[in-house]
Amino acid sequence: MEASADGLTVHVRERAVDGAANEGLVKALAAHFGVAPSRVEIVRGHASRIKRVEVDE
């Protein structure tokens, strides 16, 4: 993961097939922030490379 003024850049190994990349993103962010994956929600950009994600504490 890389932080920048524009946001956080996350690289996942999963391919963008059947939602696998989105699931990988959720798991990576959950691990990074120390929360359960159920606390991470993709709010916008499900089918895009740029996403808006909400992490609930």
PDB file of N, CA and C in Angstrom:
ATOM      1  N   MET A   1       0.834  -1.176   0.000  1.00  0.00           N
ATOM      2  CA  MET A   1       0.000   0.000   0.000  1.00  0.00           C
ATOM      3  C   MET A   1       0.878   1.239   0.000  1.00  0.00           C
ATOM      4  N   GLU A   2       0.420   2.228  -0.716  1.00  0.00           N
ATOM      5  CA  GLU A   2       1.107   3.513  -0.792  1.00  0.00           C
ATOM      6  C   GLU A   2       0.125   4.621  -0.462  1.00  0.00           C
ATOM      7  N   ALA A   3       0.530   5.512   0.424  1.00  0.00           N
ATOM      8  CA  ALA A   3      -0.306   6.672   0.733  1.00  0.00           C
ATOM      9  C   ALA A   3       0.203   7.867  -0.058  1.00  0.00           C
ATOM     10  N   SER A   4      -0.723   8.675  -0.522  1.00  0.00           N
ATOM     11  CA  SER A   4      -0.372   9.907  -1.226  1.00  0.00           C
ATOM     12  C   SER A   4      -1.442  10.947  -0.916  1.00  0.00           C
ATOM     13  N   ALA A   5      -1.248  12.139  -1.428  1.00  0.00           N
ATOM     14  CA  ALA A   5      -2.228  13.194  -1.214  1.00  0.00           C
ATOM     15  C   ALA A   5      -3.567  12.852  -1.868  1.00  0.00           C
ATOM     16  N   ASP A   6      -3.526  12.010  -2.898  1.00  0.00           N
ATOM     17  CA  ASP A   6      -4.741  11.632  -3.615  1.00  0.00           C
ATOM     18  C   ASP A   6      -5.499  10.491  -2.951  1.00  0.00           C
ATOM     19  N   GLY A   7      -4.859   9.792  -2.025  1.00  0.00           N
ATOM     20  CA  GLY A   7      -5.518   8.671  -1.372  1.00  0.00           C
ATOM     21  C   GLY A   7      -4.538   7.558  -1.104  1.00  0.00           C
ATOM     22  N   LEU A   8      -5.036   6.356  -1.055  1.00  0.00           N
ATOM     23  CA  LEU A   8      -4.251   5.172  -0.765  1.00  0.00           C
ATOM     24  C   LEU A   8      -4.259   4.283  -2.001  1.00  0.00           C
ATOM     25  N   THR A   9      -3.084   3.856  -2.424  1.00  0.00           N
ATOM     26  CA  THR A   9      -2.984   2.946  -3.565  1.00  0.00           C
ATOM     27  C   THR A   9      -2.740   1.539  -3.037  1.00  0.00           C
ATOM     28  N   VAL A  10      -3.592   0.611  -3.421  1.00  0.00           N
ATOM     29  CA  VAL A  10      -3.508  -0.774  -2.965  1.00  0.00           C
ATOM     30  C   VAL A  10      -3.375  -1.674  -4.185  1.00  0.00           C
ATOM     31  N   HIS A  11      -2.404  -2.565  -4.162  1.00  0.00           N
ATOM     32  CA  HIS A  11      -2.223  -3.536  -5.231  1.00  0.00           C
ATOM     33  C   HIS A  11      -2.646  -4.901  -4.687  1.00  0.00           C
ATOM     34  N   VAL A  12      -3.523  -5.581  -5.416  1.00  0.00           N
ATOM     35  CA  VAL A  12      -3.966  -6.917  -5.003  1.00  0.00           C
ATOM     36  C   VAL A  12      -3.573  -7.924  -6.074  1.00  0.00           C
ATOM     37  N   ARG A  13      -3.398  -9.156  -5.665  1.00  0.00           N
ATOM     38  CA  ARG A  13      -2.996 -10.216  -6.601  1.00  0.00           C
ATOM     39  C   ARG A  13      -4.179 -10.805  -7.362  1.00  0.00           C
ATOM     40  N   GLU A  14      -5.349 -10.716  -6.760  1.00  0.00           N
ATOM     41  CA  GLU A  14      -6.525 -11.305  -7.381  1.00  0.00           C
ATOM     42  C   GLU A  14      -6.878 -10.583  -8.673  1.00  0.00           C
ATOM     43  N   ARG A  15      -7.365 -11.352  -9.624  1.00  0.00           N
ATOM     44  CA  ARG A  15      -7.779 -10.783 -10.901  1.00  0.00           C
ATOM     45  C   ARG A  15      -9.192 -10.237 -10.778  1.00  0.00           C
ATOM     46  N   ALA A  16      -9.534  -9.333 -11.641  1.00  0.00           N
ATOM     47  CA  ALA A  16     -10.860  -8.710 -11.627  1.00  0.00           C
ATOM     48  C   ALA A  16     -11.888  -9.612 -12.304  1.00  0.00           C
ATOM     49  N   VAL A  17     -12.067 -10.782 -11.734  1.00  0.00           N
ATOM     50  CA  VAL A  17     -13.013 -11.762 -12.263  1.00  0.00           C
ATOM     51  C   VAL A  17     -13.943 -12.171 -11.128  1.00  0.00           C
ATOM     52  N   ASP A  18     -15.234 -12.053 -11.356  1.00  0.00           N
ATOM     53  CA  ASP A  18     -16.255 -12.452 -10.376  1.00  0.00           C
ATOM     54  C   ASP A  18     -16.061 -11.781  -9.026  1.00  0.00           C
ATOM     55  N   GLY A  19     -15.586 -10.540  -9.006  1.00  0.00           N
ATOM     56  CA  GLY A  19     -15.448  -9.789  -7.760  1.00  0.00           C
ATOM     57  C   GLY A  19     -14.258 -10.167  -6.897  1.00  0.00           C
ATOM     58  N   ALA A  20     -13.360 -11.000  -7.420  1.00  0.00           N
ATOM     59  CA  ALA A  20     -12.211 -11.456  -6.621  1.00  0.00           C
ATOM     60  C   ALA A  20     -11.289 -10.304  -6.242  1.00  0.00           C
ATOM     61  N   ALA A  21     -11.059  -9.360  -7.147  1.00  0.00           N
ATOM     62  CA  ALA A  21     -10.185  -8.227  -6.842  1.00  0.00           C
ATOM     63  C   ALA A  21     -10.810  -7.335  -5.769  1.00  0.00           C
ATOM     64  N   ASN A  22     -12.101  -7.123  -5.847  1.00  0.00           N
ATOM     65  CA  ASN A  22     -12.781  -6.325  -4.823  1.00  0.00           C
ATOM     66  C   ASN A  22     -12.691  -7.009  -3.461  1.00  0.00           C
ATOM     67  N   GLU A  23     -12.858  -8.302  -3.441  1.00  0.00           N
ATOM     68  CA  GLU A  23     -12.753  -9.060  -2.192  1.00  0.00           C
ATOM     69  C   GLU A  23     -11.324  -8.972  -1.644  1.00  0.00           C
ATOM     70  N   GLY A  24     -10.334  -9.064  -2.522  1.00  0.00           N
ATOM     71  CA  GLY A  24      -8.947  -8.919  -2.098  1.00  0.00           C
ATOM     72  C   GLY A  24      -8.669  -7.545  -1.528  1.00  0.00           C
ATOM     73  N   LEU A  25      -9.244  -6.518  -2.146  1.00  0.00           N
ATOM     74  CA  LEU A  25      -9.095  -5.155  -1.644  1.00  0.00           C
ATOM     75  C   LEU A  25      -9.687  -5.018  -0.252  1.00  0.00           C
ATOM     76  N   VAL A  26     -10.884  -5.537  -0.061  1.00  0.00           N
ATOM     77  CA  VAL A  26     -11.549  -5.456   1.241  1.00  0.00           C
ATOM     78  C   VAL A  26     -10.709  -6.157   2.303  1.00  0.00           C
ATOM     79  N   LYS A  27     -10.194  -7.329   1.997  1.00  0.00           N
ATOM     80  CA  LYS A  27      -9.377  -8.072   2.962  1.00  0.00           C
ATOM     81  C   LYS A  27      -8.077  -7.329   3.279  1.00  0.00           C
ATOM     82  N   ALA A  28      -7.446  -6.754   2.262  1.00  0.00           N
ATOM     83  CA  ALA A  28      -6.192  -6.022   2.474  1.00  0.00           C
ATOM     84  C   ALA A  28      -6.424  -4.784   3.336  1.00  0.00           C
ATOM     85  N   LEU A  29      -7.483  -4.046   3.050  1.00  0.00           N
ATOM     86  CA  LEU A  29      -7.766  -2.850   3.847  1.00  0.00           C
ATOM     87  C   LEU A  29      -8.162  -3.213   5.272  1.00  0.00           C
ATOM     88  N   ALA A  30      -8.914  -4.280   5.439  1.00  0.00           N
ATOM     89  CA  ALA A  30      -9.299  -4.723   6.779  1.00  0.00           C
ATOM     90  C   ALA A  30      -8.056  -5.078   7.595  1.00  0.00           C
ATOM     91  N   ALA A  31      -7.128  -5.786   6.990  1.00  0.00           N
ATOM     92  CA  ALA A  31      -5.892  -6.143   7.690  1.00  0.00           C
ATOM     93  C   ALA A  31      -5.072  -4.900   8.018  1.00  0.00           C
ATOM     94  N   HIS A  32      -4.985  -3.981   7.082  1.00  0.00           N
ATOM     95  CA  HIS A  32      -4.205  -2.754   7.280  1.00  0.00           C
ATOM     96  C   HIS A  32      -4.758  -1.916   8.431  1.00  0.00           C
ATOM     97  N   PHE A  33      -6.080  -1.774   8.485  1.00  0.00           N
ATOM     98  CA  PHE A  33      -6.701  -0.939   9.510  1.00  0.00           C
ATOM     99  C   PHE A  33      -7.055  -1.705  10.782  1.00  0.00           C
ATOM    100  N   GLY A  34      -6.846  -3.014  10.787  1.00  0.00           N
ATOM    101  CA  GLY A  34      -7.103  -3.813  11.978  1.00  0.00           C
ATOM    102  C   GLY A  34      -8.574  -3.952  12.324  1.00  0.00           C
ATOM    103  N   VAL A  35      -9.396  -4.097  11.299  1.00  0.00           N
ATOM    104  CA  VAL A  35     -10.834  -4.280  11.502  1.00  0.00           C
ATOM    105  C   VAL A  35     -11.281  -5.543  10.771  1.00  0.00           C
ATOM    106  N   ALA A  36     -12.482  -5.986  11.062  1.00  0.00           N
ATOM    107  CA  ALA A  36     -13.054  -7.140  10.363  1.00  0.00           C
ATOM    108  C   ALA A  36     -13.393  -6.737   8.928  1.00  0.00           C
ATOM    109  N   PRO A  37     -13.286  -7.662   7.978  1.00  0.00           N
ATOM    110  CA  PRO A  37     -13.654  -7.350   6.591  1.00  0.00           C
ATOM    111  C   PRO A  37     -15.087  -6.842   6.449  1.00  0.00           C
ATOM    112  N   SER A  38     -15.956  -7.234   7.353  1.00  0.00           N
ATOM    113  CA  SER A  38     -17.345  -6.759   7.289  1.00  0.00           C
ATOM    114  C   SER A  38     -17.450  -5.265   7.589  1.00  0.00           C
ATOM    115  N   ARG A  39     -16.393  -4.669   8.124  1.00  0.00           N
ATOM    116  CA  ARG A  39     -16.364  -3.234   8.434  1.00  0.00           C
ATOM    117  C   ARG A  39     -15.863  -2.395   7.260  1.00  0.00           C
ATOM    118  N   VAL A  40     -15.454  -3.049   6.183  1.00  0.00           N
ATOM    119  CA  VAL A  40     -14.941  -2.352   4.998  1.00  0.00           C
ATOM    120  C   VAL A  40     -15.970  -2.478   3.886  1.00  0.00           C
ATOM    121  N   GLU A  41     -16.368  -1.340   3.324  1.00  0.00           N
ATOM    122  CA  GLU A  41     -17.394  -1.351   2.281  1.00  0.00           C
ATOM    123  C   GLU A  41     -16.922  -0.522   1.090  1.00  0.00           C
ATOM    124  N   ILE A  42     -17.039  -1.084  -0.097  1.00  0.00           N
ATOM    125  CA  ILE A  42     -16.772  -0.329  -1.323  1.00  0.00           C
ATOM    126  C   ILE A  42     -18.032   0.477  -1.607  1.00  0.00           C
ATOM    127  N   VAL A  43     -17.911   1.790  -1.527  1.00  0.00           N
ATOM    128  CA  VAL A  43     -19.059   2.673  -1.673  1.00  0.00           C
ATOM    129  C   VAL A  43     -19.295   3.031  -3.136  1.00  0.00           C
ATOM    130  N   ARG A  44     -18.211   3.208  -3.875  1.00  0.00           N
ATOM    131  CA  ARG A  44     -18.324   3.622  -5.280  1.00  0.00           C
ATOM    132  C   ARG A  44     -17.171   3.003  -6.069  1.00  0.00           C
ATOM    133  N   GLY A  45     -17.456   2.608  -7.307  1.00  0.00           N
ATOM    134  CA  GLY A  45     -16.411   2.117  -8.200  1.00  0.00           C
ATOM    135  C   GLY A  45     -16.226   0.618  -8.208  1.00  0.00           C
ATOM    136  N   HIS A  46     -17.285  -0.128  -7.977  1.00  0.00           N
ATOM    137  CA  HIS A  46     -17.181  -1.586  -7.940  1.00  0.00           C
ATOM    138  C   HIS A  46     -16.549  -2.162  -9.201  1.00  0.00           C
ATOM    139  N   ALA A  47     -16.803  -1.555 -10.348  1.00  0.00           N
ATOM    140  CA  ALA A  47     -16.277  -2.070 -11.618  1.00  0.00           C
ATOM    141  C   ALA A  47     -15.150  -1.185 -12.161  1.00  0.00           C
ATOM    142  N   SER A  48     -14.597  -0.339 -11.321  1.00  0.00           N
ATOM    143  CA  SER A  48     -13.562   0.597 -11.758  1.00  0.00           C
ATOM    144  C   SER A  48     -12.261   0.351 -10.996  1.00  0.00           C
ATOM    145  N   ARG A  49     -11.167   0.828 -11.551  1.00  0.00           N
ATOM    146  CA  ARG A  49      -9.876   0.726 -10.856  1.00  0.00           C
ATOM    147  C   ARG A  49      -9.805   1.721  -9.701  1.00  0.00           C
ATOM    148  N   ILE A  50     -10.541   2.805  -9.804  1.00  0.00           N
ATOM    149  CA  ILE A  50     -10.561   3.823  -8.741  1.00  0.00           C
ATOM    150  C   ILE A  50     -11.837   3.617  -7.943  1.00  0.00           C
ATOM    151  N   LYS A  51     -11.683   3.446  -6.634  1.00  0.00           N
ATOM    152  CA  LYS A  51     -12.825   3.131  -5.790  1.00  0.00           C
ATOM    153  C   LYS A  51     -12.892   4.090  -4.608  1.00  0.00           C
ATOM    154  N   ARG A  52     -14.058   4.233  -4.072  1.00  0.00           N
ATOM    155  CA  ARG A  52     -14.251   4.953  -2.817  1.00  0.00           C
ATOM    156  C   ARG A  52     -14.666   3.895  -1.808  1.00  0.00           C
ATOM    157  N   VAL A  53     -13.920   3.847  -0.707  1.00  0.00           N
ATOM    158  CA  VAL A  53     -14.125   2.801   0.293  1.00  0.00           C
ATOM    159  C   VAL A  53     -14.383   3.449   1.640  1.00  0.00           C
ATOM    160  N   GLU A  54     -15.271   2.858   2.398  1.00  0.00           N
ATOM    161  CA  GLU A  54     -15.562   3.331   3.754  1.00  0.00           C
ATOM    162  C   GLU A  54     -15.141   2.249   4.740  1.00  0.00           C
ATOM    163  N   VAL A  55     -14.390   2.672   5.764  1.00  0.00           N
ATOM    164  CA  VAL A  55     -13.968   1.747   6.816  1.00  0.00           C
ATOM    165  C   VAL A  55     -14.632   2.193   8.104  1.00  0.00           C
ATOM    166  N   ASP A  56     -15.420   1.316   8.674  1.00  0.00           N
ATOM    167  CA  ASP A  56     -16.145   1.602   9.914  1.00  0.00           C
ATOM    168  C   ASP A  56     -15.346   1.054  11.084  1.00  0.00           C
ATOM    169  N   GLU A  57     -15.138   1.876  12.092  1.00  0.00           N
ATOM    170  CA  GLU A  57     -14.355   1.438  13.255  1.00  0.00           C
ATOM    171  C   GLU A  57     -15.127   0.534  14.129  1.00  0.00           C
TER     172      GLU A  57
END
